[in-house]
Amino acid sequence: MIRNIKTSFTTGNDGHTPLPSDSLNTAVILNNLRNSVTNVVMSHTIQATLSGISNTITVTPDSTWYRTNPEIYQNTVTIQLLVDTLLGSITGKITDINNVAMSGVLIENSNGYSTTSDINGNYTISTLSPGNYSLTVSKIGYISQTYNYSIVSTETINKDFVLLLDCPIPICNINITQII
């Protein structure tokens, strides 16, 4: 008799892939329950894929994998995907018009990540998946700036900003020559 063995199972929203539940794929459990002399060994190859990166692991469940309550998970298979190797970043320095480093500048990326510049005016946003983004830098009293950019795999973009004061021209250009 030729059996059509199911070889693909879909992971649920809870992150778990169900064990086979049909009679063709539960021979190990059925044979263990019947104390059969026949020892059937089954292995399962599991593949995980994310953003084009995949990894595979093969498991051979034994009697410790048997679940008396199918609602309770007792064994977990972890598949590590090395997606960090494809991620990019953007980094740079923020200064004022006099080339003085500006700390505490808010840097907001369109992916929802934000940070502030350090005491030397430096910032870095890493772990960016390939794609298109916009970066906005802002600080109270200065004119905000937005920079649109694209990241490709493993790329690091360097983008420096010079922030200008945000005030009316006559007030910004006051020169005090004498105090009476």
Protein backbone atom coordinates (compact mmCIF):
# COMPACT_ATOMS: atom_id res chain seq x y z
CA MET A 1 0.00 0.00 0.00
CA ILE A 2 1.38 3.41 -0.98
CA ARG A 3 0.70 6.17 1.51
CA ASN A 4 0.50 9.83 0.62
CA ILE A 5 2.41 11.39 3.51
CA LYS A 6 1.74 15.03 4.21
CA THR A 7 5.07 16.87 4.17
CA SER A 8 4.06 20.48 4.69
CA PHE A 9 2.37 22.06 7.71
CA THR A 10 1.54 25.72 8.21
CA THR A 11 2.61 27.57 11.33
CA GLY A 12 -0.28 29.15 13.22
CA ASN A 13 -0.59 32.76 14.37
CA ASP A 14 0.70 31.66 17.78
CA GLY A 15 4.07 30.74 16.21
CA HIS A 16 3.59 26.99 16.64
CA THR A 17 3.43 24.40 13.90
CA PRO A 18 0.93 21.65 14.73
CA LEU A 19 2.07 18.07 14.84
CA PRO A 20 0.56 15.80 12.19
CA SER A 21 -2.97 14.84 13.22
CA ASP A 22 -4.06 12.47 10.49
CA SER A 23 -3.78 8.69 10.75
CA LEU A 24 -1.12 8.45 8.05
CA ASN A 25 1.27 10.69 9.94
CA THR A 26 0.62 9.55 13.51
CA ALA A 27 1.96 6.02 13.18
CA VAL A 28 4.58 6.60 15.87
CA ILE A 29 2.01 7.69 18.42
CA LEU A 30 -0.47 4.98 17.48
CA ASN A 31 2.18 2.27 17.58
CA ASN A 32 3.42 3.46 20.97
CA LEU A 33 -0.10 3.43 22.36
CA ARG A 34 -0.76 -0.10 21.09
CA ASN A 35 2.61 -1.34 22.40
CA SER A 36 3.30 -2.68 18.95
CA VAL A 37 6.49 -4.59 18.37
CA THR A 38 6.99 -2.53 15.23
CA ASN A 39 9.11 0.52 15.91
CA VAL A 40 8.39 3.25 13.41
CA VAL A 41 10.83 6.15 13.37
CA MET A 42 9.69 9.31 11.65
CA SER A 43 11.65 12.47 11.18
CA HIS A 44 10.32 15.86 10.25
CA THR A 45 12.24 18.46 8.30
CA ILE A 46 11.11 21.96 9.20
CA GLN A 47 11.99 24.99 7.13
CA ALA A 48 11.49 28.61 8.18
CA THR A 49 11.65 31.51 5.72
CA LEU A 50 11.61 35.26 6.34
CA SER A 51 12.39 37.97 3.78
CA GLY A 52 13.99 35.46 1.45
CA ILE A 53 16.25 33.99 4.17
CA SER A 54 15.60 30.37 5.09
CA ASN A 55 17.01 27.70 7.36
CA THR A 56 16.09 24.05 7.84
CA ILE A 57 16.23 21.66 10.79
CA THR A 58 15.34 17.98 11.00
CA VAL A 59 13.84 16.56 14.19
CA THR A 60 13.16 12.95 15.06
CA PRO A 61 10.51 12.93 17.79
CA ASP A 62 10.62 10.12 20.34
CA SER A 63 8.16 9.12 23.04
CA THR A 64 8.90 12.30 25.04
CA TRP A 65 7.19 14.26 22.28
CA TYR A 66 3.85 12.53 22.85
CA ARG A 67 1.26 15.00 24.16
CA THR A 68 -1.63 13.72 26.22
CA ASN A 69 -3.23 17.13 25.83
CA PRO A 70 -2.78 18.55 22.32
CA GLU A 71 -3.47 22.06 23.65
CA ILE A 72 -0.32 22.05 25.79
CA TYR A 73 3.01 22.51 24.04
CA GLN A 74 5.81 20.56 25.62
CA ASN A 75 8.57 20.64 23.00
CA THR A 76 9.82 23.61 21.02
CA VAL A 77 11.93 23.61 17.88
CA THR A 78 13.82 26.83 17.29
CA ILE A 79 15.07 27.75 13.85
CA GLN A 80 17.50 30.64 13.74
CA LEU A 81 17.37 32.90 10.71
CA LEU A 82 20.43 35.05 10.16
CA VAL A 83 18.54 38.04 8.79
CA ASP A 84 20.87 40.53 10.50
CA THR A 85 23.45 39.82 7.82
CA LEU A 86 21.22 41.54 5.26
CA LEU A 87 20.31 44.59 7.30
CA GLY A 88 21.68 48.06 6.74
CA SER A 89 22.05 51.22 8.80
CA ILE A 90 22.23 55.00 8.62
CA THR A 91 24.68 56.99 10.68
CA GLY A 92 25.95 60.54 10.86
CA LYS A 93 26.68 63.67 12.85
CA ILE A 94 24.53 66.70 13.61
CA THR A 95 26.11 70.13 14.04
CA ASP A 96 25.01 73.75 14.07
CA ILE A 97 26.08 76.37 11.53
CA ASN A 98 29.33 76.92 13.49
CA ASN A 99 30.20 73.18 13.22
CA VAL A 100 29.50 72.64 16.93
CA ALA A 101 28.19 69.15 17.73
CA MET A 102 24.54 69.11 18.80
CA SER A 103 23.42 66.58 21.39
CA GLY A 104 19.81 65.67 22.14
CA VAL A 105 18.60 66.14 18.57
CA LEU A 106 15.60 63.88 17.85
CA ILE A 107 16.14 61.55 14.90
CA GLU A 108 12.98 59.82 13.67
CA ASN A 109 13.01 57.15 10.98
CA SER A 110 9.91 56.34 8.93
CA ASN A 111 9.97 52.72 10.20
CA GLY A 112 8.92 54.04 13.63
CA TYR A 113 12.38 53.90 15.20
CA SER A 114 13.73 57.04 16.86
CA THR A 115 16.84 58.01 18.77
CA THR A 116 18.69 61.15 19.87
CA SER A 117 22.16 62.34 18.99
CA ASP A 118 24.86 61.76 21.60
CA ILE A 119 27.10 64.38 23.25
CA ASN A 120 29.30 64.43 20.12
CA GLY A 121 26.31 64.89 17.80
CA ASN A 122 26.52 61.32 16.48
CA TYR A 123 23.56 59.05 15.76
CA THR A 124 23.05 55.57 14.31
CA ILE A 125 19.93 53.69 13.32
CA SER A 126 20.72 50.07 12.55
CA THR A 127 18.87 46.84 11.65
CA LEU A 128 17.13 48.44 8.67
CA SER A 129 15.66 45.99 6.19
CA PRO A 130 16.28 46.83 2.54
CA GLY A 131 13.78 49.47 1.40
CA ASN A 132 12.92 53.16 1.19
CA TYR A 133 12.87 55.38 4.27
CA SER A 134 12.77 58.98 5.37
CA LEU A 135 14.72 60.39 8.30
CA THR A 136 13.66 63.56 10.11
CA VAL A 137 15.95 65.44 12.51
CA SER A 138 14.52 68.09 14.83
CA LYS A 139 15.29 70.12 17.90
CA ILE A 140 13.31 72.92 19.51
CA GLY A 141 14.53 76.28 18.21
CA TYR A 142 15.96 74.80 14.99
CA ILE A 143 14.52 74.12 11.53
CA SER A 144 13.69 70.43 11.07
CA GLN A 145 15.14 68.56 8.11
CA THR A 146 13.99 65.40 6.32
CA TYR A 147 16.18 63.12 4.24
CA ASN A 148 14.78 60.39 1.95
CA TYR A 149 17.00 57.38 1.35
CA SER A 150 17.08 53.75 0.23
CA ILE A 151 18.86 50.90 1.98
CA VAL A 152 20.17 47.86 0.15
CA SER A 153 21.47 44.73 1.89
CA THR A 154 24.33 45.37 4.37
CA GLU A 155 24.65 49.02 3.31
CA THR A 156 25.59 51.77 5.77
CA ILE A 157 24.63 55.28 4.70
CA ASN A 158 26.46 58.26 6.21
CA LYS A 159 24.30 61.41 6.41
CA ASP A 160 25.38 64.49 8.35
CA PHE A 161 23.03 67.39 9.11
CA VAL A 162 23.65 71.09 9.83
CA LEU A 163 20.71 72.55 11.75
CA LEU A 164 19.86 76.22 11.38
CA LEU A 165 18.18 78.37 14.01
CA ASP A 166 14.44 78.77 13.54
CA CYS A 167 13.78 82.41 14.33
CA PRO A 168 12.80 85.58 12.46
CA ILE A 169 15.78 87.03 10.60
CA PRO A 170 15.78 90.46 12.32
CA ILE A 171 15.84 88.84 15.77
CA CYS A 172 18.59 86.33 14.88
CA ASN A 173 20.87 89.03 13.52
CA ILE A 174 20.85 91.44 16.46
CA ASN A 175 24.26 92.76 17.37
CA ILE A 176 24.59 94.47 20.72
CA THR A 177 27.30 97.09 20.54
CA GLN A 178 26.83 98.93 23.79
CA ILE A 179 24.96 98.40 27.02
CA ILE A 180 24.00 101.59 28.92
